[in-house]
């Protein structure tokens, strides 16, 4: 389950994204081009961000970098050796 702090953070992020999209749509409707990127540049940017997020997430999930994770790993190994 998500903690209340995590839910608050997610809500703030969703609000910021919504405001940015609303401002962008308003500017487009008014005839301005606030994001002067072509489709290829947008695709490359989104791909780069997705790659970075996936790499960081994969690294974080597959490595015991916190003390709690190291303790849990040692406990897991100890339990496996008992069997």
C-alpha atoms as a PDB file:
ATOM      1  CA  UNK A   1       0.000   0.000   0.000  1.00  0.00           C
ATOM      2  CA  UNK A   2       1.068   3.568  -0.634  1.00  0.00           C
ATOM      3  CA  UNK A   3       1.821   5.806   2.273  1.00  0.00           C
ATOM      4  CA  UNK A   4      -0.064   9.113   2.679  1.00  0.00           C
ATOM      5  CA  UNK A   5       3.148  11.019   1.885  1.00  0.00           C
ATOM      6  CA  UNK A   6       3.577   9.025  -1.337  1.00  0.00           C
ATOM      7  CA  UNK A   7      -0.051   9.686  -2.309  1.00  0.00           C
ATOM      8  CA  UNK A   8       0.432  13.421  -1.706  1.00  0.00           C
ATOM      9  CA  UNK A   9       3.565  13.459  -3.873  1.00  0.00           C
ATOM     10  CA  UNK A  10       1.799  11.585  -6.669  1.00  0.00           C
ATOM     11  CA  UNK A  11      -1.108  14.012  -6.498  1.00  0.00           C
ATOM     12  CA  UNK A  12       1.203  17.024  -6.752  1.00  0.00           C
ATOM     13  CA  UNK A  13       3.017  15.520  -9.740  1.00  0.00           C
ATOM     14  CA  UNK A  14      -0.276  14.813 -11.519  1.00  0.00           C
ATOM     15  CA  UNK A  15      -1.417  18.392 -10.833  1.00  0.00           C
ATOM     16  CA  UNK A  16       1.809  19.864 -12.241  1.00  0.00           C
ATOM     17  CA  UNK A  17       1.557  17.736 -15.388  1.00  0.00           C
ATOM     18  CA  UNK A  18      -2.093  18.757 -15.830  1.00  0.00           C
ATOM     19  CA  UNK A  19      -1.277  22.473 -15.470  1.00  0.00           C
ATOM     20  CA  UNK A  20       1.585  22.229 -17.989  1.00  0.00           C
ATOM     21  CA  UNK A  21      -0.679  20.443 -20.483  1.00  0.00           C
ATOM     22  CA  UNK A  22      -3.491  22.956 -19.997  1.00  0.00           C
ATOM     23  CA  UNK A  23      -1.132  25.909 -20.503  1.00  0.00           C
ATOM     24  CA  UNK A  24       0.334  24.247 -23.593  1.00  0.00           C
ATOM     25  CA  UNK A  25      -3.119  23.599 -25.053  1.00  0.00           C
ATOM     26  CA  UNK A  26      -4.164  27.180 -24.360  1.00  0.00           C
ATOM     27  CA  UNK A  27      -1.103  28.530 -26.151  1.00  0.00           C
ATOM     28  CA  UNK A  28      -1.643  26.199 -29.130  1.00  0.00           C
ATOM     29  CA  UNK A  29      -5.291  27.286 -29.349  1.00  0.00           C
ATOM     30  CA  UNK A  30      -4.189  30.942 -29.278  1.00  0.00           C
ATOM     31  CA  UNK A  31      -1.839  30.331 -32.220  1.00  0.00           C
ATOM     32  CA  UNK A  32       1.472  30.067 -30.399  1.00  0.00           C
ATOM     33  CA  UNK A  33       3.852  27.125 -30.739  1.00  0.00           C
ATOM     34  CA  UNK A  34       5.182  26.667 -27.177  1.00  0.00           C
ATOM     35  CA  UNK A  35       6.959  23.394 -27.948  1.00  0.00           C
ATOM     36  CA  UNK A  36       8.843  23.923 -31.215  1.00  0.00           C
ATOM     37  CA  UNK A  37       9.881  20.309 -31.688  1.00  0.00           C
ATOM     38  CA  UNK A  38       9.204  18.038 -34.628  1.00  0.00           C
ATOM     39  CA  UNK A  39       7.892  14.483 -34.181  1.00  0.00           C
ATOM     40  CA  UNK A  40      11.351  12.916 -34.528  1.00  0.00           C
ATOM     41  CA  UNK A  41      12.796  15.098 -31.761  1.00  0.00           C
ATOM     42  CA  UNK A  42       9.859  14.307 -29.455  1.00  0.00           C
ATOM     43  CA  UNK A  43      10.246  10.575 -30.149  1.00  0.00           C
ATOM     44  CA  UNK A  44      13.989  10.694 -29.433  1.00  0.00           C
ATOM     45  CA  UNK A  45      13.450  12.669 -26.220  1.00  0.00           C
ATOM     46  CA  UNK A  46      10.757  10.329 -24.904  1.00  0.00           C
ATOM     47  CA  UNK A  47      12.878   7.298 -25.827  1.00  0.00           C
ATOM     48  CA  UNK A  48      15.893   8.703 -23.983  1.00  0.00           C
ATOM     49  CA  UNK A  49      13.826   9.446 -20.863  1.00  0.00           C
ATOM     50  CA  UNK A  50      12.205   5.991 -20.965  1.00  0.00           C
ATOM     51  CA  UNK A  51      15.640   4.357 -21.299  1.00  0.00           C
ATOM     52  CA  UNK A  52      17.034   6.323 -18.361  1.00  0.00           C
ATOM     53  CA  UNK A  53      14.042   5.538 -16.149  1.00  0.00           C
ATOM     54  CA  UNK A  54      14.146   1.840 -17.037  1.00  0.00           C
ATOM     55  CA  UNK A  55      17.897   1.634 -16.421  1.00  0.00           C
ATOM     56  CA  UNK A  56      17.685   3.370 -13.043  1.00  0.00           C
ATOM     57  CA  UNK A  57      14.688   1.295 -11.958  1.00  0.00           C
ATOM     58  CA  UNK A  58      16.340  -1.955 -13.029  1.00  0.00           C
ATOM     59  CA  UNK A  59      19.548  -1.043 -11.217  1.00  0.00           C
ATOM     60  CA  UNK A  60      17.638  -0.053  -8.068  1.00  0.00           C
ATOM     61  CA  UNK A  61      15.485  -3.195  -7.993  1.00  0.00           C
ATOM     62  CA  UNK A  62      18.313  -5.639  -8.656  1.00  0.00           C
ATOM     63  CA  UNK A  63      20.887  -4.316  -6.199  1.00  0.00           C
ATOM     64  CA  UNK A  64      20.910  -4.240  -2.440  1.00  0.00           C
ATOM     65  CA  UNK A  65      21.979  -0.646  -1.938  1.00  0.00           C
ATOM     66  CA  UNK A  66      20.240   0.137   1.334  1.00  0.00           C
ATOM     67  CA  UNK A  67      21.145  -1.274   4.734  1.00  0.00           C
ATOM     68  CA  UNK A  68      17.678  -2.780   5.051  1.00  0.00           C
ATOM     69  CA  UNK A  69      18.075  -4.541   1.711  1.00  0.00           C
ATOM     70  CA  UNK A  70      21.473  -5.920   2.712  1.00  0.00           C
ATOM     71  CA  UNK A  71      20.061  -7.229   6.007  1.00  0.00           C
ATOM     72  CA  UNK A  72      17.130  -8.798   4.165  1.00  0.00           C
ATOM     73  CA  UNK A  73      19.461 -10.459   1.665  1.00  0.00           C
ATOM     74  CA  UNK A  74      21.600 -11.922   4.457  1.00  0.00           C
ATOM     75  CA  UNK A  75      18.476 -13.221   6.217  1.00  0.00           C
ATOM     76  CA  UNK A  76      17.213 -14.761   2.962  1.00  0.00           C
ATOM     77  CA  UNK A  77      20.553 -16.477   2.362  1.00  0.00           C
ATOM     78  CA  UNK A  78      20.593 -17.744   5.950  1.00  0.00           C
ATOM     79  CA  UNK A  79      17.099 -19.207   5.556  1.00  0.00           C
ATOM     80  CA  UNK A  80      18.045 -20.871   2.263  1.00  0.00           C
ATOM     81  CA  UNK A  81      21.076 -22.497   3.887  1.00  0.00           C
ATOM     82  CA  UNK A  82      18.922 -23.924   6.696  1.00  0.00           C
ATOM     83  CA  UNK A  83      16.775 -25.927   4.258  1.00  0.00           C
END
